[in-house]
Amino acid sequence: MVGYIDVGGGMRDVYGAGVLDYCLDNGIDFSYYIGVSAGSANIATFLANQKGRTLHFYRDYAKRREYMSLSNFLKTGSYVGLDYVYGELSRDGGEDALDYDCIISRNKPFYVVTTNAASGNAEYLDFVNDKRNEYNFLKASCCIPIACKPYNIGGRLYVDGGVSDPVPFKKAFEDGCDKVIVVLTRPVEYRKKHRVSPHIFDMAMKQYPAVAKLLDSSIDKYNYDFEQLLLLEKQGKALIVAPKTCCGVETLSRKRKNIEQLYALGYKDAERIIDFVKE
């Protein structure tokens, strides 16, 4: 069983959108899916068979104040308008509605990685249990700490899944995958560095100490897990698809030209998937 993992990365994950649009164009499918943050939204659109949909979000809708802005942050405590992105735009009758029925009809395992804000534990939410026209699991997985306040689902608060399990290949293998494709949004050579004092995280997330601790420790976890992933690739159990350059796109970038370049790069790099799937 081949699993597909998209690790997200905010606006950089337009690269992952390009990868999946290539797969749609070439009839490439997988047996299992797991997405982190923006990666979850990419996969949802792929399973909905809606080529180009996520590109609209990265390139066009992101420029809107309702999507992400300082005014959002001042009004709601969240820079990104998650209810606008995955609610107003994505619900039935919305400007770019997600084809929920198509996703469910595919009957594919699809997990959305979130982080429980109280415990700091990773939770892998089965998309089939998400509510139609609400897509709370996607909102929770994309809830960037500090930039957004934790997202409430049934009285439980969640933040971005990348905080607790940034590269969730272990979950994929535990669920029965024989090999995995992992889509990154930074070059393979990239490693995270401790650039911010842990005290900053403590102050910014003082109501959620478990998250504050993770924000610092997740840097080492990402680097360690990535080294393990490289070993799996050498063993033929994993394929890493990553851009040679981010084309100037960062987590909250909105420059149209750069976004289109990174999308095109993802589309081209996805050619490597064909041989890996056939092996």
C-alpha atoms as a PDB file:
ATOM      1  CA  MET A   1       0.000   0.000   0.000  1.00  0.00           C
ATOM      2  CA  VAL A   2       1.416   3.349  -1.068  1.00  0.00           C
ATOM      3  CA  GLY A   3       0.713   6.299   1.201  1.00  0.00           C
ATOM      4  CA  TYR A   4       0.761   9.972   0.282  1.00  0.00           C
ATOM      5  CA  ILE A   5       1.842  12.576   2.846  1.00  0.00           C
ATOM      6  CA  ASP A   6       1.683  16.346   2.388  1.00  0.00           C
ATOM      7  CA  VAL A   7       3.413  18.163   5.269  1.00  0.00           C
ATOM      8  CA  GLY A   8       1.970  21.614   4.565  1.00  0.00           C
ATOM      9  CA  GLY A   9       3.846  24.876   5.029  1.00  0.00           C
ATOM     10  CA  GLY A  10       1.308  27.653   4.613  1.00  0.00           C
ATOM     11  CA  MET A  11       1.477  29.414   1.278  1.00  0.00           C
ATOM     12  CA  ARG A  12       4.564  27.396   0.316  1.00  0.00           C
ATOM     13  CA  ASP A  13       2.294  24.389  -0.070  1.00  0.00           C
ATOM     14  CA  VAL A  14       1.134  25.686  -3.403  1.00  0.00           C
ATOM     15  CA  TYR A  15       4.038  23.422  -4.368  1.00  0.00           C
ATOM     16  CA  GLY A  16       2.024  20.455  -3.071  1.00  0.00           C
ATOM     17  CA  ALA A  17      -1.000  21.699  -5.005  1.00  0.00           C
ATOM     18  CA  GLY A  18       1.071  21.494  -8.170  1.00  0.00           C
ATOM     19  CA  VAL A  19       2.162  17.952  -7.324  1.00  0.00           C
ATOM     20  CA  LEU A  20      -1.392  16.750  -6.858  1.00  0.00           C
ATOM     21  CA  ASP A  21      -2.698  18.506  -9.956  1.00  0.00           C
ATOM     22  CA  TYR A  22      -0.059  16.603 -11.941  1.00  0.00           C
ATOM     23  CA  CYS A  23      -1.343  13.397 -10.361  1.00  0.00           C
ATOM     24  CA  LEU A  24      -4.909  14.268 -11.373  1.00  0.00           C
ATOM     25  CA  ASP A  25      -3.835  14.949 -14.940  1.00  0.00           C
ATOM     26  CA  ASN A  26      -1.999  11.623 -15.145  1.00  0.00           C
ATOM     27  CA  GLY A  27      -4.451   9.374 -13.340  1.00  0.00           C
ATOM     28  CA  ILE A  28      -2.158   8.707 -10.378  1.00  0.00           C
ATOM     29  CA  ASP A  29      -3.909   7.606  -7.207  1.00  0.00           C
ATOM     30  CA  PHE A  30      -2.763   6.302  -3.835  1.00  0.00           C
ATOM     31  CA  SER A  31      -4.123   3.938  -1.197  1.00  0.00           C
ATOM     32  CA  TYR A  32      -3.762   6.175   1.846  1.00  0.00           C
ATOM     33  CA  TYR A  33      -3.539   9.902   2.550  1.00  0.00           C
ATOM     34  CA  ILE A  34      -2.395  11.973   5.490  1.00  0.00           C
ATOM     35  CA  GLY A  35      -2.128  15.758   5.490  1.00  0.00           C
ATOM     36  CA  VAL A  36      -0.670  18.349   7.821  1.00  0.00           C
ATOM     37  CA  SER A  37      -1.984  21.917   7.853  1.00  0.00           C
ATOM     38  CA  ALA A  38      -2.310  23.213   4.271  1.00  0.00           C
ATOM     39  CA  GLY A  39      -1.405  19.717   3.089  1.00  0.00           C
ATOM     40  CA  SER A  40      -4.781  18.516   4.360  1.00  0.00           C
ATOM     41  CA  ALA A  41      -6.571  21.067   2.201  1.00  0.00           C
ATOM     42  CA  ASN A  42      -4.515  20.048  -0.839  1.00  0.00           C
ATOM     43  CA  ILE A  43      -5.438  16.401  -0.372  1.00  0.00           C
ATOM     44  CA  ALA A  44      -9.121  17.178   0.167  1.00  0.00           C
ATOM     45  CA  THR A  45      -9.238  19.015  -3.158  1.00  0.00           C
ATOM     46  CA  PHE A  46      -7.369  16.179  -4.876  1.00  0.00           C
ATOM     47  CA  LEU A  47      -9.796  13.568  -3.556  1.00  0.00           C
ATOM     48  CA  ALA A  48     -12.633  15.833  -4.697  1.00  0.00           C
ATOM     49  CA  ASN A  49     -11.140  15.666  -8.212  1.00  0.00           C
ATOM     50  CA  GLN A  50     -11.120  19.470  -8.481  1.00  0.00           C
ATOM     51  CA  LYS A  51      -7.947  20.308 -10.360  1.00  0.00           C
ATOM     52  CA  GLY A  52      -6.763  23.894  -9.889  1.00  0.00           C
ATOM     53  CA  ARG A  53      -9.054  24.600  -6.940  1.00  0.00           C
ATOM     54  CA  THR A  54      -6.320  25.022  -4.352  1.00  0.00           C
ATOM     55  CA  LEU A  55      -4.285  27.193  -6.720  1.00  0.00           C
ATOM     56  CA  HIS A  56      -7.176  29.676  -6.637  1.00  0.00           C
ATOM     57  CA  PHE A  57      -6.899  29.823  -2.853  1.00  0.00           C
ATOM     58  CA  TYR A  58      -3.124  30.363  -2.793  1.00  0.00           C
ATOM     59  CA  ARG A  59      -2.949  32.763  -5.729  1.00  0.00           C
ATOM     60  CA  ASP A  60      -6.236  34.644  -5.741  1.00  0.00           C
ATOM     61  CA  TYR A  61      -8.306  34.408  -2.562  1.00  0.00           C
ATOM     62  CA  ALA A  62      -5.323  34.861  -0.229  1.00  0.00           C
ATOM     63  CA  LYS A  63      -5.142  38.505  -1.265  1.00  0.00           C
ATOM     64  CA  ARG A  64      -8.501  39.190   0.320  1.00  0.00           C
ATOM     65  CA  ARG A  65      -8.669  40.797   3.736  1.00  0.00           C
ATOM     66  CA  GLU A  66     -11.125  38.151   4.902  1.00  0.00           C
ATOM     67  CA  TYR A  67      -8.597  35.427   4.074  1.00  0.00           C
ATOM     68  CA  MET A  68      -5.647  36.769   6.031  1.00  0.00           C
ATOM     69  CA  SER A  69      -4.954  40.230   7.376  1.00  0.00           C
ATOM     70  CA  LEU A  70      -4.049  42.263  10.425  1.00  0.00           C
ATOM     71  CA  SER A  71      -7.656  43.382  10.657  1.00  0.00           C
ATOM     72  CA  ASN A  72      -8.669  39.730  11.014  1.00  0.00           C
ATOM     73  CA  PHE A  73      -6.203  39.365  13.856  1.00  0.00           C
ATOM     74  CA  LEU A  74      -7.432  42.481  15.640  1.00  0.00           C
ATOM     75  CA  LYS A  75     -11.072  41.448  15.322  1.00  0.00           C
ATOM     76  CA  THR A  76     -10.871  37.716  15.992  1.00  0.00           C
ATOM     77  CA  GLY A  77      -7.396  36.940  17.333  1.00  0.00           C
ATOM     78  CA  SER A  78      -6.542  34.982  14.183  1.00  0.00           C
ATOM     79  CA  TYR A  79      -4.567  36.374  11.257  1.00  0.00           C
ATOM     80  CA  VAL A  80      -6.001  33.723   8.913  1.00  0.00           C
ATOM     81  CA  GLY A  81      -9.778  33.690   8.536  1.00  0.00           C
ATOM     82  CA  LEU A  82     -10.193  29.927   8.818  1.00  0.00           C
ATOM     83  CA  ASP A  83     -13.986  30.136   8.881  1.00  0.00           C
ATOM     84  CA  TYR A  84     -13.871  32.210   5.708  1.00  0.00           C
ATOM     85  CA  VAL A  85     -11.444  29.913   3.887  1.00  0.00           C
ATOM     86  CA  TYR A  86     -12.973  26.567   4.835  1.00  0.00           C
ATOM     87  CA  GLY A  87     -16.465  27.821   5.562  1.00  0.00           C
ATOM     88  CA  GLU A  88     -17.749  30.650   3.403  1.00  0.00           C
ATOM     89  CA  LEU A  89     -15.625  29.832   0.354  1.00  0.00           C
ATOM     90  CA  SER A  90     -15.748  26.044   0.645  1.00  0.00           C
ATOM     91  CA  ARG A  91     -19.272  25.178   1.745  1.00  0.00           C
ATOM     92  CA  ASP A  92     -22.027  24.153  -0.675  1.00  0.00           C
ATOM     93  CA  GLY A  93     -23.008  27.238  -2.644  1.00  0.00           C
ATOM     94  CA  GLY A  94     -19.751  28.954  -1.745  1.00  0.00           C
ATOM     95  CA  GLU A  95     -17.545  30.655  -4.276  1.00  0.00           C
ATOM     96  CA  ASP A  96     -15.320  27.569  -4.606  1.00  0.00           C
ATOM     97  CA  ALA A  97     -17.238  24.760  -2.932  1.00  0.00           C
ATOM     98  CA  LEU A  98     -15.454  21.555  -2.012  1.00  0.00           C
ATOM     99  CA  ASP A  99     -17.061  18.448  -3.535  1.00  0.00           C
ATOM    100  CA  TYR A 100     -17.600  16.593  -0.278  1.00  0.00           C
ATOM    101  CA  ASP A 101     -19.651  13.824  -1.915  1.00  0.00           C
ATOM    102  CA  CYS A 102     -16.806  13.005  -4.284  1.00  0.00           C
ATOM    103  CA  ILE A 103     -14.313  12.748  -1.424  1.00  0.00           C
ATOM    104  CA  ILE A 104     -16.529  10.357   0.527  1.00  0.00           C
ATOM    105  CA  SER A 105     -17.288   8.272  -2.566  1.00  0.00           C
ATOM    106  CA  ARG A 106     -13.559   7.672  -3.099  1.00  0.00           C
ATOM    107  CA  ASN A 107     -13.566   5.660   0.144  1.00  0.00           C
ATOM    108  CA  LYS A 108      -9.870   6.319   0.768  1.00  0.00           C
ATOM    109  CA  PRO A 109      -8.255   6.531   4.209  1.00  0.00           C
ATOM    110  CA  PHE A 110      -7.601  10.248   4.727  1.00  0.00           C
ATOM    111  CA  TYR A 111      -6.265  11.561   8.022  1.00  0.00           C
ATOM    112  CA  VAL A 112      -5.852  15.183   9.063  1.00  0.00           C
ATOM    113  CA  VAL A 113      -3.088  15.844  11.610  1.00  0.00           C
ATOM    114  CA  THR A 114      -3.931  18.237  14.435  1.00  0.00           C
ATOM    115  CA  THR A 115      -2.359  19.127  17.776  1.00  0.00           C
ATOM    116  CA  ASN A 116      -4.418  19.077  20.959  1.00  0.00           C
ATOM    117  CA  ALA A 117      -3.694  22.474  22.549  1.00  0.00           C
ATOM    118  CA  ALA A 118      -4.192  21.187  26.089  1.00  0.00           C
ATOM    119  CA  SER A 119      -2.073  18.027  25.941  1.00  0.00           C
ATOM    120  CA  GLY A 120       0.255  18.825  23.067  1.00  0.00           C
ATOM    121  CA  ASN A 121      -0.451  15.393  21.603  1.00  0.00           C
ATOM    122  CA  ALA A 122      -0.921  14.767  17.902  1.00  0.00           C
ATOM    123  CA  GLU A 123      -4.405  13.664  16.924  1.00  0.00           C
ATOM    124  CA  TYR A 124      -5.128  12.079  13.563  1.00  0.00           C
ATOM    125  CA  LEU A 125      -8.689  12.950  12.609  1.00  0.00           C
ATOM    126  CA  ASP A 126     -10.478  10.842  10.015  1.00  0.00           C
ATOM    127  CA  PHE A 127     -11.865  13.203   7.379  1.00  0.00           C
ATOM    128  CA  VAL A 128     -14.974  11.068   6.919  1.00  0.00           C
ATOM    129  CA  ASN A 129     -16.036  12.216  10.402  1.00  0.00           C
ATOM    130  CA  ASP A 130     -15.683  15.910   9.590  1.00  0.00           C
ATOM    131  CA  LYS A 131     -18.933  17.795   9.161  1.00  0.00           C
ATOM    132  CA  ARG A 132     -20.078  18.689   5.700  1.00  0.00           C
ATOM    133  CA  ASN A 133     -19.883  22.437   5.032  1.00  0.00           C
ATOM    134  CA  GLU A 134     -17.932  23.057   8.240  1.00  0.00           C
ATOM    135  CA  TYR A 135     -14.597  21.294   7.629  1.00  0.00           C
ATOM    136  CA  ASN A 136     -13.480  21.880  11.188  1.00  0.00           C
ATOM    137  CA  PHE A 137     -10.691  19.314  10.911  1.00  0.00           C
ATOM    138  CA  LEU A 138      -9.076  21.317   8.108  1.00  0.00           C
ATOM    139  CA  LYS A 139      -9.427  24.533  10.117  1.00  0.00           C
ATOM    140  CA  ALA A 140      -7.826  22.964  13.177  1.00  0.00           C
ATOM    141  CA  SER A 141      -4.919  21.490  11.229  1.00  0.00           C
ATOM    142  CA  CYS A 142      -4.207  24.871   9.614  1.00  0.00           C
ATOM    143  CA  CYS A 143      -4.402  26.861  12.858  1.00  0.00           C
ATOM    144  CA  ILE A 144      -0.887  28.329  13.061  1.00  0.00           C
ATOM    145  CA  PRO A 145       0.086  29.019  16.708  1.00  0.00           C
ATOM    146  CA  ILE A 146       0.552  32.690  17.623  1.00  0.00           C
ATOM    147  CA  ALA A 147      -0.813  33.789  14.214  1.00  0.00           C
ATOM    148  CA  CYS A 148      -4.137  32.153  15.077  1.00  0.00           C
ATOM    149  CA  LYS A 149      -5.911  31.387  18.301  1.00  0.00           C
ATOM    150  CA  PRO A 150      -6.568  27.654  18.919  1.00  0.00           C
ATOM    151  CA  TYR A 151      -9.570  26.309  17.039  1.00  0.00           C
ATOM    152  CA  ASN A 152     -12.477  24.897  19.024  1.00  0.00           C
ATOM    153  CA  ILE A 153     -14.043  21.584  18.008  1.00  0.00           C
ATOM    154  CA  GLY A 154     -16.640  20.293  20.422  1.00  0.00           C
ATOM    155  CA  GLY A 155     -15.061  22.062  23.372  1.00  0.00           C
ATOM    156  CA  ARG A 156     -11.531  20.850  22.601  1.00  0.00           C
ATOM    157  CA  LEU A 157      -8.938  23.293  21.330  1.00  0.00           C
ATOM    158  CA  TYR A 158      -6.530  22.474  18.504  1.00  0.00           C
ATOM    159  CA  VAL A 159      -3.598  24.048  16.685  1.00  0.00           C
ATOM    160  CA  ASP A 160      -1.589  23.217  13.567  1.00  0.00           C
ATOM    161  CA  GLY A 161      -0.729  19.530  13.242  1.00  0.00           C
ATOM    162  CA  GLY A 162       2.822  20.379  12.257  1.00  0.00           C
ATOM    163  CA  VAL A 163       3.569  21.364  15.846  1.00  0.00           C
ATOM    164  CA  SER A 164       3.208  17.793  17.153  1.00  0.00           C
ATOM    165  CA  ASP A 165       3.916  15.609  14.095  1.00  0.00           C
ATOM    166  CA  PRO A 166       5.475  17.645  11.276  1.00  0.00           C
ATOM    167  CA  VAL A 167       6.377  14.644   9.075  1.00  0.00           C
ATOM    168  CA  PRO A 168       3.841  11.913   9.941  1.00  0.00           C
ATOM    169  CA  PHE A 169       5.353   8.979   8.044  1.00  0.00           C
ATOM    170  CA  LYS A 170       5.364   6.773  11.173  1.00  0.00           C
ATOM    171  CA  LYS A 171       1.572   6.984  11.342  1.00  0.00           C
ATOM    172  CA  ALA A 172       1.359   5.927   7.690  1.00  0.00           C
ATOM    173  CA  PHE A 173       3.529   2.854   8.226  1.00  0.00           C
ATOM    174  CA  GLU A 174       1.647   1.954  11.412  1.00  0.00           C
ATOM    175  CA  ASP A 175      -1.569   2.004   9.383  1.00  0.00           C
ATOM    176  CA  GLY A 176      -0.195  -0.514   6.899  1.00  0.00           C
ATOM    177  CA  CYS A 177       1.634   1.447   4.214  1.00  0.00           C
ATOM    178  CA  ASP A 178       4.552  -0.402   2.589  1.00  0.00           C
ATOM    179  CA  LYS A 179       6.039   2.795   1.211  1.00  0.00           C
ATOM    180  CA  VAL A 180       5.227   6.488   1.241  1.00  0.00           C
ATOM    181  CA  ILE A 181       5.539   9.607  -0.862  1.00  0.00           C
ATOM    182  CA  VAL A 182       6.314  12.644   1.270  1.00  0.00           C
ATOM    183  CA  VAL A 183       5.829  16.111  -0.205  1.00  0.00           C
ATOM    184  CA  LEU A 184       7.873  18.854   1.454  1.00  0.00           C
ATOM    185  CA  THR A 185       7.741  22.586   0.849  1.00  0.00           C
ATOM    186  CA  ARG A 186      11.389  23.383   1.502  1.00  0.00           C
ATOM    187  CA  PRO A 187      14.530  22.002  -0.173  1.00  0.00           C
ATOM    188  CA  VAL A 188      15.822  18.649   1.040  1.00  0.00           C
ATOM    189  CA  GLU A 189      18.892  20.378   2.496  1.00  0.00           C
ATOM    190  CA  TYR A 190      16.783  22.548   4.788  1.00  0.00           C
ATOM    191  CA  ARG A 191      16.918  21.957   8.541  1.00  0.00           C
ATOM    192  CA  LYS A 192      15.074  23.960  11.162  1.00  0.00           C
ATOM    193  CA  LYS A 193      17.089  26.142  13.554  1.00  0.00           C
ATOM    194  CA  HIS A 194      16.424  27.544  17.013  1.00  0.00           C
ATOM    195  CA  ARG A 195      16.070  31.224  16.161  1.00  0.00           C
ATOM    196  CA  VAL A 196      13.614  32.266  18.856  1.00  0.00           C
ATOM    197  CA  SER A 197      14.075  32.011  22.616  1.00  0.00           C
ATOM    198  CA  PRO A 198      11.749  29.467  24.291  1.00  0.00           C
ATOM    199  CA  HIS A 199      10.676  32.340  26.565  1.00  0.00           C
ATOM    200  CA  ILE A 200       9.045  34.027  23.565  1.00  0.00           C
ATOM    201  CA  PHE A 201       6.925  30.951  22.978  1.00  0.00           C
ATOM    202  CA  ASP A 202       6.090  30.819  26.678  1.00  0.00           C
ATOM    203  CA  MET A 203       4.858  34.405  26.639  1.00  0.00           C
ATOM    204  CA  ALA A 204       2.979  34.137  23.355  1.00  0.00           C
ATOM    205  CA  MET A 205       1.230  30.879  24.300  1.00  0.00           C
ATOM    206  CA  LYS A 206       1.080  31.286  28.079  1.00  0.00           C
ATOM    207  CA  GLN A 207      -2.466  29.884  28.187  1.00  0.00           C
ATOM    208  CA  TYR A 208      -1.279  26.765  26.366  1.00  0.00           C
ATOM    209  CA  PRO A 209       2.031  25.687  27.940  1.00  0.00           C
ATOM    210  CA  ALA A 210       2.014  22.325  26.166  1.00  0.00           C
ATOM    211  CA  VAL A 211       1.960  24.106  22.800  1.00  0.00           C
ATOM    212  CA  ALA A 212       4.673  26.564  23.882  1.00  0.00           C
ATOM    213  CA  LYS A 213       6.938  23.660  24.796  1.00  0.00           C
ATOM    214  CA  LEU A 214       6.232  21.922  21.487  1.00  0.00           C
ATOM    215  CA  LEU A 215       7.026  25.022  19.449  1.00  0.00           C
ATOM    216  CA  ASP A 216      10.603  24.778  20.679  1.00  0.00           C
ATOM    217  CA  SER A 217      11.020  20.984  20.781  1.00  0.00           C
ATOM    218  CA  SER A 218       9.336  20.463  17.395  1.00  0.00           C
ATOM    219  CA  ILE A 219      12.394  21.945  15.718  1.00  0.00           C
ATOM    220  CA  ASP A 220      14.563  19.072  16.921  1.00  0.00           C
ATOM    221  CA  LYS A 221      11.780  16.571  16.226  1.00  0.00           C
ATOM    222  CA  TYR A 222      11.461  17.740  12.625  1.00  0.00           C
ATOM    223  CA  ASN A 223      15.208  17.452  12.032  1.00  0.00           C
ATOM    224  CA  TYR A 224      15.396  13.997  13.643  1.00  0.00           C
ATOM    225  CA  ASP A 225      12.368  12.663  11.770  1.00  0.00           C
ATOM    226  CA  PHE A 226      13.736  14.015   8.526  1.00  0.00           C
ATOM    227  CA  GLU A 227      16.978  12.094   8.960  1.00  0.00           C
ATOM    228  CA  GLN A 228      14.928   8.949   9.511  1.00  0.00           C
ATOM    229  CA  LEU A 229      12.962   9.725   6.371  1.00  0.00           C
ATOM    230  CA  LEU A 230      16.198  10.014   4.370  1.00  0.00           C
ATOM    231  CA  LEU A 231      17.161   6.525   5.530  1.00  0.00           C
ATOM    232  CA  LEU A 232      13.779   5.199   4.419  1.00  0.00           C
ATOM    233  CA  GLU A 233      14.307   6.765   1.008  1.00  0.00           C
ATOM    234  CA  LYS A 234      17.657   4.984   0.669  1.00  0.00           C
ATOM    235  CA  GLN A 235      15.857   1.736   1.483  1.00  0.00           C
ATOM    236  CA  GLY A 236      13.301   2.368  -1.255  1.00  0.00           C
ATOM    237  CA  LYS A 237      10.479   2.754   1.250  1.00  0.00           C
ATOM    238  CA  ALA A 238       9.988   6.474   0.738  1.00  0.00           C
ATOM    239  CA  LEU A 239      10.118   9.058  -2.005  1.00  0.00           C
ATOM    240  CA  ILE A 240      10.779  12.651  -1.006  1.00  0.00           C
ATOM    241  CA  VAL A 241       9.365  15.258  -3.379  1.00  0.00           C
ATOM    242  CA  ALA A 242      10.740  18.683  -2.486  1.00  0.00           C
ATOM    243  CA  PRO A 243      11.435  21.954  -4.313  1.00  0.00           C
ATOM    244  CA  LYS A 244      14.984  22.998  -5.144  1.00  0.00           C
ATOM    245  CA  THR A 245      13.895  26.533  -4.277  1.00  0.00           C
ATOM    246  CA  CYS A 246      10.872  28.084  -2.581  1.00  0.00           C
ATOM    247  CA  CYS A 247      10.734  30.754  -5.306  1.00  0.00           C
ATOM    248  CA  GLY A 248      10.589  33.462  -2.654  1.00  0.00           C
ATOM    249  CA  VAL A 249       7.380  32.103  -1.114  1.00  0.00           C
ATOM    250  CA  GLU A 250       7.166  31.965   2.686  1.00  0.00           C
ATOM    251  CA  THR A 251       4.444  30.812   5.069  1.00  0.00           C
ATOM    252  CA  LEU A 252       2.203  33.864   4.627  1.00  0.00           C
ATOM    253  CA  SER A 253       3.424  35.185   1.251  1.00  0.00           C
ATOM    254  CA  ARG A 254       0.954  36.505  -1.321  1.00  0.00           C
ATOM    255  CA  LYS A 255       3.041  37.435  -4.370  1.00  0.00           C
ATOM    256  CA  ARG A 256       1.195  36.040  -7.383  1.00  0.00           C
ATOM    257  CA  LYS A 257       4.219  35.520  -9.646  1.00  0.00           C
ATOM    258  CA  ASN A 258       6.200  33.648  -6.985  1.00  0.00           C
ATOM    259  CA  ILE A 259       3.221  31.496  -6.081  1.00  0.00           C
ATOM    260  CA  GLU A 260       2.675  30.526  -9.718  1.00  0.00           C
ATOM    261  CA  GLN A 261       6.362  29.646 -10.090  1.00  0.00           C
ATOM    262  CA  LEU A 262       6.311  27.369  -7.053  1.00  0.00           C
ATOM    263  CA  TYR A 263       3.102  25.703  -8.247  1.00  0.00           C
ATOM    264  CA  ALA A 264       4.681  25.028 -11.653  1.00  0.00           C
ATOM    265  CA  LEU A 265       7.754  23.590  -9.953  1.00  0.00           C
ATOM    266  CA  GLY A 266       5.583  21.180  -7.968  1.00  0.00           C
ATOM    267  CA  TYR A 267       3.763  20.106 -11.121  1.00  0.00           C
ATOM    268  CA  LYS A 268       7.061  19.344 -12.853  1.00  0.00           C
ATOM    269  CA  ASP A 269       8.692  17.604  -9.881  1.00  0.00           C
ATOM    270  CA  ALA A 270       5.715  15.268  -9.567  1.00  0.00           C
ATOM    271  CA  GLU A 271       6.937  13.375 -12.640  1.00  0.00           C
ATOM    272  CA  ARG A 272       9.193  11.400 -10.265  1.00  0.00           C
ATOM    273  CA  ILE A 273       6.164   9.805  -8.637  1.00  0.00           C
ATOM    274  CA  ILE A 274       5.226   7.661 -11.625  1.00  0.00           C
ATOM    275  CA  ASP A 275       8.228   5.325 -11.436  1.00  0.00           C
ATOM    276  CA  PHE A 276       8.027   5.060  -7.655  1.00  0.00           C
ATOM    277  CA  VAL A 277       4.383   3.994  -7.767  1.00  0.00           C
ATOM    278  CA  LYS A 278       5.091   1.405 -10.463  1.00  0.00           C
ATOM    279  CA  GLU A 279       7.961  -0.247  -8.566  1.00  0.00           C
END
